[in-house]
Amino acid sequence: MAIDRRALLATGTAAALGGLPRASRAQTAPIRIGVLTDMSGPYRDLTGPSSLAGAKQAAEEFSAATGIAVEVIAGDHQNKPDLGVNIARQWFDRDGIDMIADLPNSAVALAVSQVAREKNKVVVGSSVGSTAFSGAQCSPNSVQFTYDTYMLAKGTGDALVKQGFDSWYFVTADYAFGHALQTDTARFVEAAGGKVLGAARYPFPATTDFSSFLLQAQATRPKVIGFANAGADLVNCIKQAREFGLANQGVKFACLLMTVMDTLSLGLPEAQGLLMTDSFYWDLNPRTRAFSERVKGKLPGRITNTAVAGNYGGTLHYLKAVQSLGVAQARASGLAVVERMKAMPTDDDAFGPGRIRQDGRKLTPAYLFQVKTPAESTGPLDLHKVIATTPAEQAARPLAEGGCPFIQT
């Protein structure tokens, strides 16, 4: 059945915005949002243009519904924390940016979060994986919207050990995100009765040949190789591991941060059977399908993935809080905006209803997906099937375990 995109836009926007009143008159200057992302490195296909598309979709829908002008710009941090910090300072000090979104690369995200706290601005980390972002290095000016390494590790590590894949070796990106993903997954592997045989950490983002690290893994004869990485690195690891015949030796590949974009890059024959944990899939339910239909014009040659969804949902909820608080007060205090974001329930077409916890962690259900076989797929975008669901309150690390210094538990 053909889908009327105008009708979807109208109905979807109305539902997502929850009947917010239209502004009586436009403010003199628009709310300005900066999507600080990876436009040129290993996370470009995972985030980059996809993240920008999600934020722009939220801004357009919100402006159409409320009359409040919103501008969205993009910056490339090149996976360098010092560059990310410099861009953030320039955006806040000179360019009038009110909120920074996305922030793939946890080292960059943690550094930029502290700048936002210093300047009393807002960060909505839609692509931040490290649990430190809402834990030991949390900020009252920041929100971790889409996922974290605890969620990914619990969903995949625990499930594989329970299937009998109980000896693990990790190939890990050597920076904050990779370390956190390995540590969290190892915790769940061992808690379920499994063993960690070792780990090889590779220089990030300077590595494209993973052969020596895969040979180190092969030598330990694990049942599982856990890839504590993402994006182009993950795709290259899987391809090279298959070239070495590791899959034929009975080794299972655990993709600890894999998305539908990676499945497309690999192709179903190469990716079939892989397991991954994620918080979004375009074909999950009627609302995700409607959202994906609305945003697809901003994604030429791409599919609606988690980065699109996370930046849409995170940006939209931020803008709702701005509307609720009032534009002038929102501009004056990023802290007040984040407090309002926590006080208001979340609801959007990408993730449905939810809430943001005191430590800034947005609670989202976690889905364990399996890549379909070519025979199971009914079309070029029919790629994943749900194997299990973890409720939102259980998918996030318990608040008392996070160590967020401004939280009393």
Protein backbone atom coordinates (compact mmCIF):
# COMPACT_ATOMS: atom_id res chain seq x y z
CA MET A 1 0.00 0.00 0.00
CA ALA A 2 1.37 3.44 -0.92
CA ILE A 3 2.17 5.72 2.00
CA ASP A 4 1.10 9.34 1.89
CA ARG A 5 4.18 11.16 3.19
CA ARG A 6 2.28 14.42 3.85
CA ALA A 7 -0.29 12.60 5.93
CA LEU A 8 2.42 10.81 7.88
CA LEU A 9 4.21 14.08 8.53
CA ALA A 10 1.07 15.72 9.80
CA THR A 11 -0.09 12.86 12.03
CA GLY A 12 3.39 11.90 13.22
CA THR A 13 4.35 15.43 14.13
CA ALA A 14 1.12 16.00 16.01
CA ALA A 15 1.62 12.83 18.03
CA ALA A 16 5.29 13.46 18.74
CA LEU A 17 4.82 17.06 19.82
CA GLY A 18 1.93 16.23 22.07
CA GLY A 19 -0.16 19.31 21.28
CA LEU A 20 2.36 21.96 22.33
CA PRO A 21 0.91 25.46 21.89
CA ARG A 22 2.05 27.48 18.92
CA ALA A 23 4.22 30.47 19.75
CA SER A 24 2.32 33.74 19.63
CA ARG A 25 5.23 35.39 17.81
CA ALA A 26 8.60 34.22 16.64
CA GLN A 27 11.60 35.02 18.81
CA THR A 28 14.17 37.46 17.42
CA ALA A 29 16.88 34.83 17.07
CA PRO A 30 16.43 31.12 16.42
CA ILE A 31 17.41 28.34 18.79
CA ARG A 32 20.74 27.07 17.44
CA ILE A 33 21.80 23.43 17.57
CA GLY A 34 25.22 22.09 16.61
CA VAL A 35 25.55 18.45 15.56
CA LEU A 36 29.15 17.64 16.48
CA THR A 37 29.90 14.37 14.76
CA ASP A 38 32.24 12.30 12.58
CA MET A 39 31.96 13.48 8.98
CA SER A 40 35.20 11.99 7.68
CA GLY A 41 36.39 9.09 9.87
CA PRO A 42 35.42 5.53 10.82
CA TYR A 43 32.05 6.57 12.28
CA ARG A 44 30.93 8.64 9.29
CA ASP A 45 28.66 5.97 7.84
CA LEU A 46 27.29 5.18 11.29
CA THR A 47 26.63 8.80 12.34
CA GLY A 48 27.73 11.90 10.39
CA PRO A 49 25.11 12.78 7.76
CA SER A 50 22.61 10.41 9.42
CA SER A 51 22.87 12.23 12.74
CA LEU A 52 22.47 15.59 11.03
CA ALA A 53 19.37 14.36 9.20
CA GLY A 54 17.71 13.27 12.45
CA ALA A 55 18.33 16.59 14.18
CA LYS A 56 17.10 18.56 11.17
CA GLN A 57 13.93 16.48 10.97
CA ALA A 58 13.13 17.22 14.62
CA ALA A 59 13.85 20.94 14.16
CA GLU A 60 11.62 21.21 11.09
CA GLU A 61 8.71 19.37 12.68
CA PHE A 62 8.98 21.38 15.89
CA SER A 63 9.20 24.73 14.09
CA ALA A 64 6.22 23.88 11.89
CA ALA A 65 4.15 22.98 14.95
CA THR A 66 5.17 25.82 17.28
CA GLY A 67 6.42 28.73 15.18
CA ILE A 68 9.73 28.75 17.08
CA ALA A 69 12.64 29.09 14.67
CA VAL A 70 15.42 26.50 14.97
CA GLU A 71 18.71 26.30 13.08
CA VAL A 72 20.88 23.18 12.87
CA ILE A 73 24.53 23.20 11.82
CA ALA A 74 27.17 20.44 11.73
CA GLY A 75 30.82 20.15 12.74
CA ASP A 76 33.41 17.41 12.24
CA HIS A 77 35.43 16.59 15.36
CA GLN A 78 37.60 14.10 13.42
CA ASN A 79 37.67 11.87 16.53
CA LYS A 80 40.05 14.33 18.23
CA PRO A 81 39.04 15.51 21.73
CA ASP A 82 41.06 18.73 21.46
CA LEU A 83 39.39 19.62 18.17
CA GLY A 84 35.97 18.78 19.58
CA VAL A 85 36.59 21.06 22.56
CA ASN A 86 37.78 23.90 20.32
CA ILE A 87 34.69 23.64 18.12
CA ALA A 88 32.41 23.54 21.17
CA ARG A 89 34.01 26.65 22.68
CA GLN A 90 33.73 28.54 19.41
CA TRP A 91 30.11 27.48 18.98
CA PHE A 92 29.15 28.54 22.50
CA ASP A 93 31.24 31.72 22.69
CA ARG A 94 30.96 33.13 19.17
CA ASP A 95 28.27 31.34 17.17
CA GLY A 96 25.35 31.33 19.60
CA ILE A 97 24.91 27.57 19.78
CA ASP A 98 22.50 26.59 22.55
CA MET A 99 22.80 22.79 22.39
CA ILE A 100 25.35 20.32 21.02
CA ALA A 101 24.05 16.97 19.83
CA ASP A 102 25.37 13.54 18.78
CA LEU A 103 29.09 13.23 19.80
CA PRO A 104 30.19 9.81 18.57
CA ASN A 105 33.57 9.00 20.16
CA SER A 106 33.27 8.94 23.93
CA ALA A 107 36.58 10.70 24.55
CA VAL A 108 35.32 13.68 22.55
CA ALA A 109 31.91 13.53 24.23
CA LEU A 110 33.30 13.53 27.77
CA ALA A 111 35.51 16.54 27.01
CA VAL A 112 32.75 18.53 25.31
CA SER A 113 30.31 17.76 28.13
CA GLN A 114 32.57 19.55 30.57
CA VAL A 115 32.77 22.60 28.27
CA ALA A 116 28.96 22.74 28.15
CA ARG A 117 28.83 22.58 31.93
CA GLU A 118 31.35 25.41 32.21
CA LYS A 119 29.35 27.55 29.76
CA ASN A 120 25.95 26.51 31.18
CA LYS A 121 24.84 25.10 27.82
CA VAL A 122 23.29 21.74 26.89
CA VAL A 123 24.70 18.50 25.46
CA VAL A 124 22.42 15.73 24.21
CA GLY A 125 24.77 12.84 23.53
CA SER A 126 22.81 10.73 21.10
CA SER A 127 25.80 8.65 19.95
CA VAL A 128 27.77 8.46 23.21
CA GLY A 129 28.52 4.92 24.35
CA SER A 130 30.62 5.26 27.51
CA THR A 131 28.74 4.76 30.76
CA ALA A 132 31.04 7.38 32.31
CA PHE A 133 29.00 10.01 30.46
CA SER A 134 26.09 9.49 32.84
CA GLY A 135 28.24 7.92 35.56
CA ALA A 136 31.56 8.97 37.08
CA GLN A 137 31.96 11.92 34.68
CA CYS A 138 28.31 12.90 34.49
CA SER A 139 27.23 16.51 34.12
CA PRO A 140 23.91 18.11 35.14
CA ASN A 141 23.99 19.87 31.74
CA SER A 142 24.16 16.65 29.69
CA VAL A 143 21.81 13.86 28.60
CA GLN A 144 22.81 10.43 27.28
CA PHE A 145 19.89 9.70 25.02
CA THR A 146 20.15 6.54 22.92
CA TYR A 147 22.32 3.78 24.39
CA ASP A 148 25.41 3.04 26.47
CA THR A 149 27.92 0.22 26.76
CA TYR A 150 26.05 -1.31 29.71
CA MET A 151 22.95 -1.78 27.56
CA LEU A 152 24.92 -3.18 24.63
CA ALA A 153 27.00 -5.49 26.79
CA LYS A 154 24.09 -6.88 28.76
CA GLY A 155 21.97 -7.51 25.68
CA THR A 156 24.63 -9.38 23.69
CA GLY A 157 27.14 -10.79 26.20
CA ASP A 158 24.61 -12.34 28.56
CA ALA A 159 22.58 -13.83 25.69
CA LEU A 160 25.54 -15.54 24.00
CA VAL A 161 26.89 -17.11 27.19
CA LYS A 162 23.45 -18.54 27.91
CA GLN A 163 23.58 -20.15 24.44
CA GLY A 164 26.83 -21.92 25.39
CA PHE A 165 29.31 -19.45 23.90
CA ASP A 166 31.20 -19.06 27.16
CA SER A 167 34.85 -18.34 26.29
CA TRP A 168 35.61 -14.87 24.94
CA TYR A 169 38.46 -12.88 23.44
CA PHE A 170 38.07 -9.16 22.73
CA VAL A 171 39.36 -7.03 19.86
CA THR A 172 39.03 -3.53 21.26
CA ALA A 173 39.37 0.04 20.01
CA ASP A 174 41.96 1.61 22.30
CA TYR A 175 40.05 4.61 23.69
CA ALA A 176 37.29 5.34 26.19
CA PHE A 177 34.39 3.78 24.29
CA GLY A 178 36.21 0.55 23.41
CA HIS A 179 37.52 0.14 26.95
CA ALA A 180 34.05 0.64 28.44
CA LEU A 181 32.43 -1.77 26.00
CA GLN A 182 35.00 -4.48 26.74
CA THR A 183 34.80 -3.97 30.51
CA ASP A 184 31.00 -4.01 30.62
CA THR A 185 30.71 -7.05 28.36
CA ALA A 186 33.35 -8.98 30.31
CA ARG A 187 31.35 -8.30 33.46
CA PHE A 188 28.21 -9.89 32.02
CA VAL A 189 30.13 -12.78 30.45
CA GLU A 190 31.72 -13.68 33.77
CA ALA A 191 28.49 -13.15 35.73
CA ALA A 192 26.78 -15.64 33.43
CA GLY A 193 29.52 -18.22 34.02
CA GLY A 194 31.77 -17.49 31.04
CA LYS A 195 35.51 -16.81 30.83
CA VAL A 196 37.50 -13.99 29.26
CA LEU A 197 40.66 -15.39 27.66
CA GLY A 198 42.24 -12.06 26.78
CA ALA A 199 42.02 -8.91 24.68
CA ALA A 200 43.92 -7.12 21.93
CA ARG A 201 43.64 -3.33 21.88
CA TYR A 202 44.37 -1.64 18.57
CA PRO A 203 45.27 2.01 17.90
CA PHE A 204 42.16 4.08 17.17
CA PRO A 205 41.40 5.57 14.69
CA ALA A 206 44.62 4.68 12.85
CA THR A 207 44.02 0.95 12.19
CA THR A 208 42.60 -0.68 9.06
CA ASP A 209 44.53 -3.99 9.07
CA PHE A 210 43.29 -6.13 11.96
CA SER A 211 45.08 -9.35 10.98
CA SER A 212 47.61 -9.38 13.84
CA PHE A 213 44.87 -8.78 16.43
CA LEU A 214 42.67 -11.50 14.95
CA LEU A 215 45.57 -13.95 14.97
CA GLN A 216 46.10 -13.18 18.66
CA ALA A 217 42.44 -13.98 19.22
CA GLN A 218 42.62 -17.18 17.16
CA ALA A 219 45.57 -18.46 19.17
CA THR A 220 43.47 -18.58 22.37
CA ARG A 221 40.78 -20.75 20.69
CA PRO A 222 37.78 -18.75 21.97
CA LYS A 223 34.18 -19.62 21.28
CA VAL A 224 33.46 -15.91 20.84
CA ILE A 225 35.43 -12.96 19.52
CA GLY A 226 33.87 -9.80 20.93
CA PHE A 227 34.37 -6.75 18.74
CA ALA A 228 34.46 -3.77 21.10
CA ASN A 229 34.32 -1.21 18.31
CA ALA A 230 31.90 0.16 15.75
CA GLY A 231 31.43 1.56 12.26
CA ALA A 232 34.07 0.93 9.62
CA ASP A 233 36.34 -0.79 12.16
CA LEU A 234 33.67 -3.36 12.97
CA VAL A 235 32.90 -4.02 9.32
CA ASN A 236 36.59 -4.50 8.51
CA CYS A 237 37.05 -6.82 11.51
CA ILE A 238 34.18 -9.06 10.43
CA LYS A 239 35.36 -9.20 6.82
CA GLN A 240 38.94 -10.00 7.80
CA ALA A 241 37.86 -12.57 10.40
CA ARG A 242 35.83 -14.37 7.74
CA GLU A 243 38.80 -14.25 5.36
CA PHE A 244 40.86 -16.04 8.03
CA GLY A 245 38.16 -18.70 8.24
CA LEU A 246 37.41 -18.07 11.90
CA ALA A 247 33.67 -18.56 11.38
CA ASN A 248 34.37 -21.94 9.78
CA GLN A 249 36.28 -22.91 12.93
CA GLY A 250 33.11 -22.46 14.98
CA VAL A 251 34.00 -19.05 16.39
CA LYS A 252 31.02 -16.77 17.04
CA PHE A 253 31.35 -13.06 16.32
CA ALA A 254 29.81 -10.79 18.95
CA CYS A 255 29.14 -7.36 17.46
CA LEU A 256 28.88 -5.18 20.55
CA LEU A 257 27.83 -2.05 18.66
CA MET A 258 26.42 -2.97 15.29
CA THR A 259 23.62 -1.20 13.44
CA VAL A 260 21.60 -1.71 10.31
CA MET A 261 24.14 0.44 8.42
CA ASP A 262 26.80 -2.18 9.12
CA THR A 263 24.49 -4.93 7.91
CA LEU A 264 23.99 -3.05 4.66
CA SER A 265 27.72 -2.55 4.28
CA LEU A 266 28.46 -6.23 4.84
CA GLY A 267 25.49 -7.59 2.87
CA LEU A 268 23.19 -10.35 4.11
CA PRO A 269 25.35 -13.26 2.87
CA GLU A 270 28.25 -11.95 4.98
CA ALA A 271 26.22 -10.67 7.96
CA GLN A 272 23.52 -13.35 8.27
CA GLY A 273 23.13 -14.76 11.76
CA LEU A 274 25.05 -12.00 13.53
CA LEU A 275 23.57 -10.87 16.84
CA MET A 276 23.50 -7.29 18.09
CA THR A 277 21.75 -5.15 20.68
CA ASP A 278 20.15 -1.87 19.63
CA SER A 279 17.47 0.54 20.78
CA PHE A 280 15.94 1.28 17.36
CA TYR A 281 15.06 -0.42 14.09
CA TRP A 282 13.15 1.26 11.30
CA ASP A 283 10.63 -1.62 10.95
CA LEU A 284 10.00 -2.18 14.65
CA ASN A 285 6.41 -0.84 14.82
CA PRO A 286 4.00 1.55 13.04
CA ARG A 287 5.54 4.66 14.64
CA THR A 288 9.11 3.76 13.64
CA ARG A 289 7.92 3.04 10.11
CA ALA A 290 6.09 6.38 9.92
CA PHE A 291 9.14 8.25 11.22
CA SER A 292 11.41 6.48 8.75
CA GLU A 293 9.11 7.42 5.90
CA ARG A 294 9.15 11.09 6.91
CA VAL A 295 12.91 11.37 7.22
CA LYS A 296 13.97 9.30 4.21
CA GLY A 297 14.18 12.35 1.92
CA LYS A 298 17.12 13.58 4.01
CA LEU A 299 18.93 10.23 3.67
CA PRO A 300 19.78 9.69 -0.01
CA GLY A 301 21.29 6.24 -0.36
CA ARG A 302 20.97 5.57 3.37
CA ILE A 303 18.63 3.79 5.75
CA THR A 304 17.07 5.19 8.91
CA ASN A 305 19.39 3.96 11.63
CA THR A 306 19.94 4.51 15.34
CA ALA A 307 21.91 7.73 14.83
CA VAL A 308 19.03 9.24 12.85
CA ALA A 309 16.54 8.15 15.50
CA GLY A 310 18.63 9.20 18.50
CA ASN A 311 19.31 12.68 17.19
CA TYR A 312 15.67 13.08 16.20
CA GLY A 313 14.36 11.98 19.60
CA GLY A 314 17.01 13.83 21.61
CA THR A 315 16.66 17.06 19.67
CA LEU A 316 12.88 16.95 19.76
CA HIS A 317 12.77 16.45 23.53
CA TYR A 318 15.27 19.27 24.04
CA LEU A 319 13.08 21.58 21.95
CA LYS A 320 9.97 20.58 23.88
CA ALA A 321 11.77 21.56 27.09
CA VAL A 322 12.76 24.91 25.54
CA GLN A 323 9.11 25.50 24.63
CA SER A 324 7.95 24.54 28.12
CA LEU A 325 10.54 26.67 29.88
CA GLY A 326 10.35 29.65 27.53
CA VAL A 327 12.99 30.57 24.98
CA ALA A 328 14.56 33.41 26.98
CA GLN A 329 14.96 31.35 30.15
CA ALA A 330 16.19 28.35 28.14
CA ARG A 331 18.88 30.47 26.53
CA ALA A 332 19.92 31.84 29.90
CA SER A 333 20.42 28.45 31.56
CA GLY A 334 21.27 25.13 29.95
CA LEU A 335 21.02 23.56 33.40
CA ALA A 336 17.38 24.67 33.66
CA VAL A 337 16.66 23.12 30.25
CA VAL A 338 18.14 19.75 31.23
CA GLU A 339 16.22 19.80 34.50
CA ARG A 340 13.03 20.40 32.53
CA MET A 341 13.95 17.57 30.12
CA LYS A 342 14.21 15.24 33.12
CA ALA A 343 10.93 16.44 34.56
CA MET A 344 8.99 15.93 31.31
CA PRO A 345 8.20 12.43 29.96
CA THR A 346 9.78 11.67 26.61
CA ASP A 347 7.69 10.58 23.63
CA ASP A 348 8.59 10.46 19.95
CA ASP A 349 8.00 8.26 16.94
CA ALA A 350 11.48 6.72 17.03
CA PHE A 351 11.42 5.40 20.61
CA GLY A 352 7.90 5.88 21.95
CA PRO A 353 7.26 6.96 25.56
CA GLY A 354 10.02 7.04 28.17
CA ARG A 355 11.85 9.22 30.65
CA ILE A 356 15.24 10.70 31.49
CA ARG A 357 16.70 9.61 34.79
CA GLN A 358 18.35 11.92 37.36
CA ASP A 359 21.84 11.10 36.07
CA GLY A 360 20.88 12.13 32.52
CA ARG A 361 20.45 8.59 31.15
CA LYS A 362 17.41 8.33 28.91
CA LEU A 363 15.73 4.99 29.58
CA THR A 364 15.05 3.02 26.41
CA PRO A 365 14.15 -0.65 25.80
CA ALA A 366 16.97 -2.76 24.37
CA TYR A 367 16.29 -5.20 21.55
CA LEU A 368 18.45 -8.20 20.70
CA PHE A 369 18.39 -8.47 16.92
CA GLN A 370 19.62 -11.17 14.58
CA VAL A 371 20.52 -10.50 10.97
CA LYS A 372 18.17 -12.38 8.67
CA THR A 373 19.31 -14.90 6.11
CA PRO A 374 18.88 -13.98 2.43
CA ALA A 375 16.01 -16.48 2.29
CA GLU A 376 14.20 -14.80 5.21
CA SER A 377 14.52 -11.27 3.82
CA THR A 378 11.57 -9.95 1.80
CA GLY A 379 13.33 -6.87 0.42
CA PRO A 380 16.56 -4.86 0.39
CA LEU A 381 15.80 -3.17 3.74
CA ASP A 382 14.28 -6.20 5.50
CA LEU A 383 17.42 -7.06 7.46
CA HIS A 384 16.85 -7.71 11.17
CA LYS A 385 14.49 -9.66 13.40
CA VAL A 386 13.88 -9.25 17.14
CA ILE A 387 15.06 -12.18 19.26
CA ALA A 388 14.49 -10.71 22.73
CA THR A 389 13.52 -7.44 24.44
CA THR A 390 14.89 -5.97 27.66
CA PRO A 391 12.53 -3.41 29.30
CA ALA A 392 13.87 0.12 29.61
CA GLU A 393 14.30 0.10 33.39
CA GLN A 394 16.34 -3.11 33.19
CA ALA A 395 18.41 -2.15 30.15
CA ALA A 396 20.16 0.72 31.95
CA ARG A 397 22.78 0.32 34.65
CA PRO A 398 21.20 0.73 38.11
CA LEU A 399 21.39 4.33 39.24
CA ALA A 400 23.19 3.42 42.47
CA GLU A 401 26.02 1.74 40.52
CA GLY A 402 26.80 4.68 38.24
CA GLY A 403 28.79 6.88 40.58
CA CYS A 404 27.36 10.13 39.23
CA PRO A 405 28.68 12.66 41.76
CA PHE A 406 25.66 14.98 41.86
CA ILE A 407 23.13 12.17 42.46
CA GLN A 408 22.04 11.15 45.95
CA THR A 409 20.93 7.49 46.02
